[in-house]
């Protein structure tokens, strides 16, 4: 798994390249083949950008799911301890009434 800074850097590079390709694509005086090549480059860069964003989203979702499992386990432990403390409190109350 890449770090956040790696993803940010890669995404920044893709977006900068896309900006350059789009800027050149609409310049006057380019031949039709150059325009087509730049358009293909733009499309390829957009696809790469979407794939990277999708990958980042998948990893974030996996991290959220993993942390949610930890939270569910913690909640289960808290409920068990609360139940145990509640029983202890009831027992102490019963002893108080008897004495």
PDB file of N, CA and C in Angstrom:
ATOM      1  N   UNK A   1       0.846  -1.178   0.000  1.00  0.00           N
ATOM      2  CA  UNK A   1       0.000   0.000   0.000  1.00  0.00           C
ATOM      3  C   UNK A   1       0.890   1.240   0.000  1.00  0.00           C
ATOM      4  N   UNK A   2       0.576   2.152  -0.881  1.00  0.00           N
ATOM      5  CA  UNK A   2       1.337   3.403  -0.962  1.00  0.00           C
ATOM      6  C   UNK A   2       0.897   4.338   0.154  1.00  0.00           C
ATOM      7  N   UNK A   3       1.766   5.271   0.474  1.00  0.00           N
ATOM      8  CA  UNK A   3       1.413   6.260   1.488  1.00  0.00           C
ATOM      9  C   UNK A   3       0.580   7.369   0.841  1.00  0.00           C
ATOM     10  N   UNK A   4      -0.029   8.161   1.696  1.00  0.00           N
ATOM     11  CA  UNK A   4      -0.860   9.270   1.212  1.00  0.00           C
ATOM     12  C   UNK A   4      -0.054  10.234   0.351  1.00  0.00           C
ATOM     13  N   UNK A   5       1.187  10.484   0.750  1.00  0.00           N
ATOM     14  CA  UNK A   5       2.003  11.439  -0.005  1.00  0.00           C
ATOM     15  C   UNK A   5       2.348  10.889  -1.387  1.00  0.00           C
ATOM     16  N   UNK A   6       2.551   9.564  -1.481  1.00  0.00           N
ATOM     17  CA  UNK A   6       2.815   8.958  -2.791  1.00  0.00           C
ATOM     18  C   UNK A   6       1.618   9.139  -3.717  1.00  0.00           C
ATOM     19  N   UNK A   7       0.427   8.875  -3.171  1.00  0.00           N
ATOM     20  CA  UNK A   7      -0.791   9.041  -3.969  1.00  0.00           C
ATOM     21  C   UNK A   7      -0.993  10.496  -4.374  1.00  0.00           C
ATOM     22  N   UNK A   8      -0.779  11.391  -3.433  1.00  0.00           N
ATOM     23  CA  UNK A   8      -0.957  12.814  -3.731  1.00  0.00           C
ATOM     24  C   UNK A   8       0.006  13.268  -4.826  1.00  0.00           C
ATOM     25  N   UNK A   9       1.249  12.813  -4.724  1.00  0.00           N
ATOM     26  CA  UNK A   9       2.260  13.188  -5.711  1.00  0.00           C
ATOM     27  C   UNK A   9       1.892  12.632  -7.087  1.00  0.00           C
ATOM     28  N   UNK A  10       1.500  11.363  -7.140  1.00  0.00           N
ATOM     29  CA  UNK A  10       1.132  10.747  -8.413  1.00  0.00           C
ATOM     30  C   UNK A  10      -0.088  11.437  -9.021  1.00  0.00           C
ATOM     31  N   UNK A  11      -1.081  11.721  -8.189  1.00  0.00           N
ATOM     32  CA  UNK A  11      -2.284  12.399  -8.672  1.00  0.00           C
ATOM     33  C   UNK A  11      -1.954  13.808  -9.162  1.00  0.00           C
ATOM     34  N   UNK A  12      -1.065  14.496  -8.449  1.00  0.00           N
ATOM     35  CA  UNK A  12      -0.652  15.844  -8.855  1.00  0.00           C
ATOM     36  C   UNK A  12       0.053  15.800 -10.218  1.00  0.00           C
ATOM     37  N   UNK A  13       0.940  14.817 -10.390  1.00  0.00           N
ATOM     38  CA  UNK A  13       1.659  14.692 -11.662  1.00  0.00           C
ATOM     39  C   UNK A  13       0.705  14.399 -12.815  1.00  0.00           C
ATOM     40  N   UNK A  14      -0.250  13.522 -12.572  1.00  0.00           N
ATOM     41  CA  UNK A  14      -1.226  13.199 -13.618  1.00  0.00           C
ATOM     42  C   UNK A  14      -2.029  14.436 -13.987  1.00  0.00           C
ATOM     43  N   UNK A  15      -2.476  15.174 -12.985  1.00  0.00           N
ATOM     44  CA  UNK A  15      -3.291  16.372 -13.253  1.00  0.00           C
ATOM     45  C   UNK A  15      -2.483  17.457 -13.966  1.00  0.00           C
ATOM     46  N   UNK A  16      -1.215  17.604 -13.613  1.00  0.00           N
ATOM     47  CA  UNK A  16      -0.375  18.583 -14.303  1.00  0.00           C
ATOM     48  C   UNK A  16      -0.176  18.180 -15.763  1.00  0.00           C
ATOM     49  N   UNK A  17       0.084  16.887 -16.002  1.00  0.00           N
ATOM     50  CA  UNK A  17       0.257  16.402 -17.373  1.00  0.00           C
ATOM     51  C   UNK A  17      -1.036  16.574 -18.165  1.00  0.00           C
ATOM     52  N   UNK A  18      -2.148  16.334 -17.522  1.00  0.00           N
ATOM     53  CA  UNK A  18      -3.447  16.499 -18.181  1.00  0.00           C
ATOM     54  C   UNK A  18      -3.681  17.961 -18.547  1.00  0.00           C
ATOM     55  N   UNK A  19      -3.311  18.847 -17.650  1.00  0.00           N
ATOM     56  CA  UNK A  19      -3.459  20.282 -17.917  1.00  0.00           C
ATOM     57  C   UNK A  19      -2.609  20.709 -19.112  1.00  0.00           C
ATOM     58  N   UNK A  20      -1.387  20.207 -19.183  1.00  0.00           N
ATOM     59  CA  UNK A  20      -0.497  20.529 -20.304  1.00  0.00           C
ATOM     60  C   UNK A  20      -1.068  19.982 -21.606  1.00  0.00           C
ATOM     61  N   UNK A  21      -1.496  18.725 -21.571  1.00  0.00           N
ATOM     62  CA  UNK A  21      -2.036  18.093 -22.782  1.00  0.00           C
ATOM     63  C   UNK A  21      -3.284  18.825 -23.269  1.00  0.00           C
ATOM     64  N   UNK A  22      -4.153  19.197 -22.345  1.00  0.00           N
ATOM     65  CA  UNK A  22      -5.372  19.919 -22.726  1.00  0.00           C
ATOM     66  C   UNK A  22      -5.040  21.300 -23.284  1.00  0.00           C
ATOM     67  N   UNK A  23      -4.069  21.961 -22.670  1.00  0.00           N
ATOM     68  CA  UNK A  23      -3.665  23.281 -23.161  1.00  0.00           C
ATOM     69  C   UNK A  23      -3.098  23.212 -24.565  1.00  0.00           C
ATOM     70  N   UNK A  24      -2.255  22.225 -24.821  1.00  0.00           N
ATOM     71  CA  UNK A  24      -1.657  22.074 -26.154  1.00  0.00           C
ATOM     72  C   UNK A  24      -2.700  21.656 -27.185  1.00  0.00           C
ATOM     73  N   UNK A  25      -3.639  20.851 -26.746  1.00  0.00           N
ATOM     74  CA  UNK A  25      -4.649  20.306 -27.654  1.00  0.00           C
ATOM     75  C   UNK A  25      -5.479  21.402 -28.327  1.00  0.00           C
ATOM     76  N   UNK A  26      -5.710  22.479 -27.630  1.00  0.00           N
ATOM     77  CA  UNK A  26      -6.557  23.534 -28.176  1.00  0.00           C
ATOM     78  C   UNK A  26      -5.773  24.701 -28.778  1.00  0.00           C
ATOM     79  N   UNK A  27      -4.470  24.525 -28.911  1.00  0.00           N
ATOM     80  CA  UNK A  27      -3.666  25.563 -29.565  1.00  0.00           C
ATOM     81  C   UNK A  27      -3.969  25.591 -31.052  1.00  0.00           C
ATOM     82  N   UNK A  28      -3.921  26.767 -31.603  1.00  0.00           N
ATOM     83  CA  UNK A  28      -4.141  26.898 -33.042  1.00  0.00           C
ATOM     84  C   UNK A  28      -2.872  26.509 -33.774  1.00  0.00           C
ATOM     85  N   UNK A  29      -3.053  26.021 -34.966  1.00  0.00           N
ATOM     86  CA  UNK A  29      -1.919  25.705 -35.807  1.00  0.00           C
ATOM     87  C   UNK A  29      -1.406  24.280 -35.659  1.00  0.00           C
ATOM     88  N   UNK A  30      -2.072  23.469 -34.883  1.00  0.00           N
ATOM     89  CA  UNK A  30      -1.658  22.067 -34.752  1.00  0.00           C
ATOM     90  C   UNK A  30      -2.244  21.248 -35.893  1.00  0.00           C
ATOM     91  N   UNK A  31      -1.498  20.263 -36.297  1.00  0.00           N
ATOM     92  CA  UNK A  31      -2.022  19.381 -37.339  1.00  0.00           C
ATOM     93  C   UNK A  31      -3.092  18.480 -36.729  1.00  0.00           C
ATOM     94  N   UNK A  32      -3.891  17.916 -37.597  1.00  0.00           N
ATOM     95  CA  UNK A  32      -4.978  17.051 -37.133  1.00  0.00           C
ATOM     96  C   UNK A  32      -4.436  15.827 -36.388  1.00  0.00           C
ATOM     97  N   UNK A  33      -3.332  15.291 -36.853  1.00  0.00           N
ATOM     98  CA  UNK A  33      -2.753  14.110 -36.180  1.00  0.00           C
ATOM     99  C   UNK A  33      -2.227  14.476 -34.788  1.00  0.00           C
ATOM    100  N   UNK A  34      -1.651  15.674 -34.669  1.00  0.00           N
ATOM    101  CA  UNK A  34      -1.190  16.125 -33.349  1.00  0.00           C
ATOM    102  C   UNK A  34      -2.363  16.288 -32.391  1.00  0.00           C
ATOM    103  N   UNK A  35      -3.459  16.866 -32.896  1.00  0.00           N
ATOM    104  CA  UNK A  35      -4.654  17.034 -32.067  1.00  0.00           C
ATOM    105  C   UNK A  35      -5.189  15.678 -31.608  1.00  0.00           C
ATOM    106  N   UNK A  36      -5.228  14.733 -32.522  1.00  0.00           N
ATOM    107  CA  UNK A  36      -5.712  13.388 -32.193  1.00  0.00           C
ATOM    108  C   UNK A  36      -4.798  12.732 -31.164  1.00  0.00           C
ATOM    109  N   UNK A  37      -3.495  12.869 -31.355  1.00  0.00           N
ATOM    110  CA  UNK A  37      -2.545  12.289 -30.404  1.00  0.00           C
ATOM    111  C   UNK A  37      -2.701  12.914 -29.009  1.00  0.00           C
ATOM    112  N   UNK A  38      -2.870  14.233 -28.977  1.00  0.00           N
ATOM    113  CA  UNK A  38      -3.051  14.909 -27.691  1.00  0.00           C
ATOM    114  C   UNK A  38      -4.379  14.510 -27.047  1.00  0.00           C
ATOM    115  N   UNK A  39      -5.397  14.328 -27.848  1.00  0.00           N
ATOM    116  CA  UNK A  39      -6.688  13.891 -27.318  1.00  0.00           C
ATOM    117  C   UNK A  39      -6.568  12.485 -26.727  1.00  0.00           C
ATOM    118  N   UNK A  40      -5.855  11.600 -27.415  1.00  0.00           N
ATOM    119  CA  UNK A  40      -5.641  10.239 -26.905  1.00  0.00           C
ATOM    120  C   UNK A  40      -4.852  10.285 -25.594  1.00  0.00           C
ATOM    121  N   UNK A  41      -3.857  11.172 -25.541  1.00  0.00           N
ATOM    122  CA  UNK A  41      -3.066  11.317 -24.315  1.00  0.00           C
ATOM    123  C   UNK A  41      -3.947  11.812 -23.164  1.00  0.00           C
ATOM    124  N   UNK A  42      -4.820  12.765 -23.468  1.00  0.00           N
ATOM    125  CA  UNK A  42      -5.729  13.287 -22.447  1.00  0.00           C
ATOM    126  C   UNK A  42      -6.659  12.195 -21.931  1.00  0.00           C
ATOM    127  N   UNK A  43      -7.172  11.406 -22.846  1.00  0.00           N
ATOM    128  CA  UNK A  43      -8.072  10.317 -22.452  1.00  0.00           C
ATOM    129  C   UNK A  43      -7.333   9.307 -21.571  1.00  0.00           C
ATOM    130  N   UNK A  44      -6.117   8.958 -21.968  1.00  0.00           N
ATOM    131  CA  UNK A  44      -5.316   8.008 -21.181  1.00  0.00           C
ATOM    132  C   UNK A  44      -5.026   8.558 -19.788  1.00  0.00           C
ATOM    133  N   UNK A  45      -4.710   9.844 -19.706  1.00  0.00           N
ATOM    134  CA  UNK A  45      -4.438  10.460 -18.412  1.00  0.00           C
ATOM    135  C   UNK A  45      -5.687  10.498 -17.529  1.00  0.00           C
ATOM    136  N   UNK A  46      -6.842  10.794 -18.131  1.00  0.00           N
ATOM    137  CA  UNK A  46      -8.097  10.798 -17.366  1.00  0.00           C
ATOM    138  C   UNK A  46      -8.406   9.404 -16.825  1.00  0.00           C
ATOM    139  N   UNK A  47      -8.184   8.383 -17.661  1.00  0.00           N
ATOM    140  CA  UNK A  47      -8.425   6.999 -17.214  1.00  0.00           C
ATOM    141  C   UNK A  47      -7.505   6.646 -16.054  1.00  0.00           C
ATOM    142  N   UNK A  48      -6.245   7.038 -16.173  1.00  0.00           N
ATOM    143  CA  UNK A  48      -5.285   6.756 -15.107  1.00  0.00           C
ATOM    144  C   UNK A  48      -5.683   7.495 -13.825  1.00  0.00           C
ATOM    145  N   UNK A  49      -6.137   8.733 -13.969  1.00  0.00           N
ATOM    146  CA  UNK A  49      -6.572   9.511 -12.817  1.00  0.00           C
ATOM    147  C   UNK A  49      -7.766   8.840 -12.133  1.00  0.00           C
ATOM    148  N   UNK A  50      -8.748   8.420 -12.921  1.00  0.00           N
ATOM    149  CA  UNK A  50      -9.928   7.744 -12.358  1.00  0.00           C
ATOM    150  C   UNK A  50      -9.543   6.450 -11.653  1.00  0.00           C
ATOM    151  N   UNK A  51      -8.639   5.686 -12.261  1.00  0.00           N
ATOM    152  CA  UNK A  51      -8.204   4.422 -11.656  1.00  0.00           C
ATOM    153  C   UNK A  51      -7.505   4.677 -10.320  1.00  0.00           C
ATOM    154  N   UNK A  52      -6.681   5.713 -10.283  1.00  0.00           N
ATOM    155  CA  UNK A  52      -5.973   6.040  -9.052  1.00  0.00           C
ATOM    156  C   UNK A  52      -6.957   6.493  -7.967  1.00  0.00           C
ATOM    157  N   UNK A  53      -7.912   7.325  -8.328  1.00  0.00           N
ATOM    158  CA  UNK A  53      -8.911   7.796  -7.364  1.00  0.00           C
ATOM    159  C   UNK A  53      -9.736   6.604  -6.852  1.00  0.00           C
ATOM    160  N   UNK A  54     -10.070   5.687  -7.739  1.00  0.00           N
ATOM    161  CA  UNK A  54     -10.818   4.494  -7.335  1.00  0.00           C
ATOM    162  C   UNK A  54      -9.995   3.634  -6.379  1.00  0.00           C
ATOM    163  N   UNK A  55      -8.715   3.490  -6.653  1.00  0.00           N
ATOM    164  CA  UNK A  55      -7.832   2.706  -5.787  1.00  0.00           C
ATOM    165  C   UNK A  55      -7.731   3.346  -4.407  1.00  0.00           C
ATOM    166  N   UNK A  56      -7.596   4.659  -4.377  1.00  0.00           N
ATOM    167  CA  UNK A  56      -7.522   5.378  -3.104  1.00  0.00           C
ATOM    168  C   UNK A  56      -8.819   5.159  -2.322  1.00  0.00           C
ATOM    169  N   UNK A  57      -9.943   5.268  -3.020  1.00  0.00           N
ATOM    170  CA  UNK A  57     -11.244   5.064  -2.372  1.00  0.00           C
ATOM    171  C   UNK A  57     -11.387   3.658  -1.800  1.00  0.00           C
ATOM    172  N   UNK A  58     -10.916   2.671  -2.523  1.00  0.00           N
ATOM    173  CA  UNK A  58     -10.986   1.287  -2.049  1.00  0.00           C
ATOM    174  C   UNK A  58     -10.152   1.095  -0.793  1.00  0.00           C
ATOM    175  N   UNK A  59      -8.965   1.677  -0.790  1.00  0.00           N
ATOM    176  CA  UNK A  59      -8.096   1.554   0.385  1.00  0.00           C
ATOM    177  C   UNK A  59      -8.680   2.277   1.589  1.00  0.00           C
ATOM    178  N   UNK A  60      -9.276   3.431   1.357  1.00  0.00           N
ATOM    179  CA  UNK A  60      -9.900   4.166   2.457  1.00  0.00           C
ATOM    180  C   UNK A  60     -11.076   3.362   3.013  1.00  0.00           C
ATOM    181  N   UNK A  61     -11.869   2.778   2.129  1.00  0.00           N
ATOM    182  CA  UNK A  61     -12.996   1.958   2.566  1.00  0.00           C
ATOM    183  C   UNK A  61     -12.518   0.759   3.383  1.00  0.00           C
ATOM    184  N   UNK A  62     -11.425   0.145   2.969  1.00  0.00           N
ATOM    185  CA  UNK A  62     -10.875  -0.992   3.711  1.00  0.00           C
ATOM    186  C   UNK A  62     -10.394  -0.564   5.093  1.00  0.00           C
ATOM    187  N   UNK A  63      -9.775   0.599   5.166  1.00  0.00           N
ATOM    188  CA  UNK A  63      -9.308   1.108   6.460  1.00  0.00           C
ATOM    189  C   UNK A  63     -10.487   1.405   7.383  1.00  0.00           C
ATOM    190  N   UNK A  64     -11.536   1.981   6.830  1.00  0.00           N
ATOM    191  CA  UNK A  64     -12.730   2.283   7.627  1.00  0.00           C
ATOM    192  C   UNK A  64     -13.354   0.994   8.136  1.00  0.00           C
ATOM    193  N   UNK A  65     -13.436   0.003   7.264  1.00  0.00           N
ATOM    194  CA  UNK A  65     -14.023  -1.280   7.657  1.00  0.00           C
ATOM    195  C   UNK A  65     -13.197  -1.926   8.764  1.00  0.00           C
ATOM    196  N   UNK A  66     -11.877  -1.887   8.644  1.00  0.00           N
ATOM    197  CA  UNK A  66     -11.005  -2.472   9.659  1.00  0.00           C
ATOM    198  C   UNK A  66     -11.175  -1.762  11.001  1.00  0.00           C
ATOM    199  N   UNK A  67     -11.231  -0.440  10.979  1.00  0.00           N
ATOM    200  CA  UNK A  67     -11.393   0.297  12.238  1.00  0.00           C
ATOM    201  C   UNK A  67     -12.780   0.087  12.810  1.00  0.00           C
ATOM    202  N   UNK A  68     -13.769  -0.121  11.963  1.00  0.00           N
ATOM    203  CA  UNK A  68     -15.120  -0.351  12.450  1.00  0.00           C
ATOM    204  C   UNK A  68     -15.207  -1.701  13.151  1.00  0.00           C
ATOM    205  N   UNK A  69     -14.458  -2.703  12.655  1.00  0.00           N
ATOM    206  CA  UNK A  69     -14.435  -4.003  13.326  1.00  0.00           C
ATOM    207  C   UNK A  69     -13.819  -3.864  14.720  1.00  0.00           C
ATOM    208  N   UNK A  70     -12.772  -3.070  14.825  1.00  0.00           N
ATOM    209  CA  UNK A  70     -12.160  -2.832  16.138  1.00  0.00           C
ATOM    210  C   UNK A  70     -13.137  -2.139  17.083  1.00  0.00           C
ATOM    211  N   UNK A  71     -13.870  -1.178  16.556  1.00  0.00           N
ATOM    212  CA  UNK A  71     -14.849  -0.461  17.381  1.00  0.00           C
ATOM    213  C   UNK A  71     -15.985  -1.384  17.820  1.00  0.00           C
ATOM    214  N   UNK A  72     -16.411  -2.287  16.937  1.00  0.00           N
ATOM    215  CA  UNK A  72     -17.468  -3.225  17.298  1.00  0.00           C
ATOM    216  C   UNK A  72     -16.998  -4.158  18.404  1.00  0.00           C
ATOM    217  N   UNK A  73     -15.765  -4.611  18.315  1.00  0.00           N
ATOM    218  CA  UNK A  73     -15.201  -5.480  19.362  1.00  0.00           C
ATOM    219  C   UNK A  73     -15.121  -4.727  20.689  1.00  0.00           C
ATOM    220  N   UNK A  74     -14.700  -3.481  20.639  1.00  0.00           N
ATOM    221  CA  UNK A  74     -14.615  -2.666  21.847  1.00  0.00           C
ATOM    222  C   UNK A  74     -16.006  -2.441  22.446  1.00  0.00           C
ATOM    223  N   UNK A  75     -16.992  -2.174  21.601  1.00  0.00           N
ATOM    224  CA  UNK A  75     -18.358  -1.972  22.080  1.00  0.00           C
ATOM    225  C   UNK A  75     -18.886  -3.234  22.757  1.00  0.00           C
ATOM    226  N   UNK A  76     -18.559  -4.388  22.198  1.00  0.00           N
ATOM    227  CA  UNK A  76     -18.983  -5.659  22.789  1.00  0.00           C
ATOM    228  C   UNK A  76     -18.382  -5.826  24.186  1.00  0.00           C
ATOM    229  N   UNK A  77     -17.095  -5.486  24.338  1.00  0.00           N
ATOM    230  CA  UNK A  77     -16.441  -5.580  25.643  1.00  0.00           C
ATOM    231  C   UNK A  77     -17.064  -4.617  26.650  1.00  0.00           C
ATOM    232  N   UNK A  78     -17.364  -3.397  26.191  1.00  0.00           N
ATOM    233  CA  UNK A  78     -17.966  -2.398  27.076  1.00  0.00           C
ATOM    234  C   UNK A  78     -19.334  -2.874  27.548  1.00  0.00           C
ATOM    235  N   UNK A  79     -20.137  -3.440  26.633  1.00  0.00           N
ATOM    236  CA  UNK A  79     -21.462  -3.944  27.026  1.00  0.00           C
ATOM    237  C   UNK A  79     -21.342  -5.073  28.050  1.00  0.00           C
ATOM    238  N   UNK A  80     -20.376  -5.963  27.849  1.00  0.00           N
ATOM    239  CA  UNK A  80     -20.181  -7.076  28.784  1.00  0.00           C
ATOM    240  C   UNK A  80     -19.789  -6.556  30.164  1.00  0.00           C
ATOM    241  N   UNK A  81     -18.895  -5.594  30.203  1.00  0.00           N
ATOM    242  CA  UNK A  81     -18.466  -5.039  31.495  1.00  0.00           C
ATOM    243  C   UNK A  81     -19.592  -4.263  32.167  1.00  0.00           C
ATOM    244  N   UNK A  82     -20.381  -3.561  31.377  1.00  0.00           N
ATOM    245  CA  UNK A  82     -21.515  -2.823  31.930  1.00  0.00           C
ATOM    246  C   UNK A  82     -22.503  -3.788  32.564  1.00  0.00           C
ATOM    247  N   UNK A  83     -22.775  -4.880  31.884  1.00  0.00           N
ATOM    248  CA  UNK A  83     -23.683  -5.893  32.418  1.00  0.00           C
ATOM    249  C   UNK A  83     -23.139  -6.456  33.725  1.00  0.00           C
ATOM    250  N   UNK A  84     -21.844  -6.748  33.750  1.00  0.00           N
ATOM    251  CA  UNK A  84     -21.212  -7.294  34.956  1.00  0.00           C
ATOM    252  C   UNK A  84     -21.299  -6.292  36.112  1.00  0.00           C
ATOM    253  N   UNK A  85     -21.011  -5.015  35.833  1.00  0.00           N
ATOM    254  CA  UNK A  85     -21.092  -3.983  36.869  1.00  0.00           C
ATOM    255  C   UNK A  85     -22.522  -3.798  37.359  1.00  0.00           C
ATOM    256  N   UNK A  86     -23.457  -3.903  36.464  1.00  0.00           N
ATOM    257  CA  UNK A  86     -24.863  -3.775  36.831  1.00  0.00           C
ATOM    258  C   UNK A  86     -25.270  -4.889  37.796  1.00  0.00           C
ATOM    259  N   UNK A  87     -24.819  -6.103  37.518  1.00  0.00           N
ATOM    260  CA  UNK A  87     -25.125  -7.236  38.406  1.00  0.00           C
ATOM    261  C   UNK A  87     -24.487  -7.021  39.774  1.00  0.00           C
ATOM    262  N   UNK A  88     -23.261  -6.515  39.774  1.00  0.00           N
ATOM    263  CA  UNK A  88     -22.567  -6.251  41.038  1.00  0.00           C
ATOM    264  C   UNK A  88     -23.311  -5.187  41.832  1.00  0.00           C
ATOM    265  N   UNK A  89     -23.780  -4.155  41.169  1.00  0.00           N
ATOM    266  CA  UNK A  89     -24.507  -3.081  41.841  1.00  0.00           C
ATOM    267  C   UNK A  89     -25.820  -3.615  42.422  1.00  0.00           C
ATOM    268  N   UNK A  90     -26.521  -4.446  41.676  1.00  0.00           N
ATOM    269  CA  UNK A  90     -27.773  -5.031  42.176  1.00  0.00           C
ATOM    270  C   UNK A  90     -27.499  -5.916  43.391  1.00  0.00           C
ATOM    271  N   UNK A  91     -26.430  -6.679  43.335  1.00  0.00           N
ATOM    272  CA  UNK A  91     -26.072  -7.558  44.434  1.00  0.00           C
ATOM    273  C   UNK A  91     -25.763  -6.740  45.689  1.00  0.00           C
ATOM    274  N   UNK A  92     -25.009  -5.632  45.513  1.00  0.00           N
ATOM    275  CA  UNK A  92     -24.671  -4.766  46.636  1.00  0.00           C
ATOM    276  C   UNK A  92     -25.929  -4.117  47.201  1.00  0.00           C
ATOM    277  N   UNK A  93     -26.853  -3.752  46.353  1.00  0.00           N
ATOM    278  CA  UNK A  93     -28.110  -3.156  46.787  1.00  0.00           C
ATOM    279  C   UNK A  93     -28.938  -4.142  47.602  1.00  0.00           C
ATOM    280  N   UNK A  94     -28.962  -5.375  47.163  1.00  0.00           N
ATOM    281  CA  UNK A  94     -29.698  -6.429  47.859  1.00  0.00           C
ATOM    282  C   UNK A  94     -29.082  -6.657  49.242  1.00  0.00           C
ATOM    283  N   UNK A  95     -27.753  -6.693  49.325  1.00  0.00           N
ATOM    284  CA  UNK A  95     -27.085  -6.864  50.617  1.00  0.00           C
ATOM    285  C   UNK A  95     -27.397  -5.693  51.554  1.00  0.00           C
ATOM    286  N   UNK A  96     -27.438  -4.511  51.017  1.00  0.00           N
ATOM    287  CA  UNK A  96     -27.754  -3.315  51.804  1.00  0.00           C
ATOM    288  C   UNK A  96     -29.146  -3.416  52.407  1.00  0.00           C
ATOM    289  N   UNK A  97     -30.085  -3.903  51.621  1.00  0.00           N
ATOM    290  CA  UNK A  97     -31.469  -4.036  52.088  1.00  0.00           C
ATOM    291  C   UNK A  97     -31.572  -5.082  53.197  1.00  0.00           C
ATOM    292  N   UNK A  98     -30.772  -6.133  53.072  1.00  0.00           N
ATOM    293  CA  UNK A  98     -30.799  -7.203  54.070  1.00  0.00           C
ATOM    294  C   UNK A  98     -30.176  -6.783  55.384  1.00  0.00           C
ATOM    295  N   UNK A  99     -29.200  -5.924  55.341  1.00  0.00           N
ATOM    296  CA  UNK A  99     -28.488  -5.495  56.553  1.00  0.00           C
ATOM    297  C   UNK A  99     -29.197  -4.376  57.196  1.00  0.00           C
TER     298      UNK A  99
END
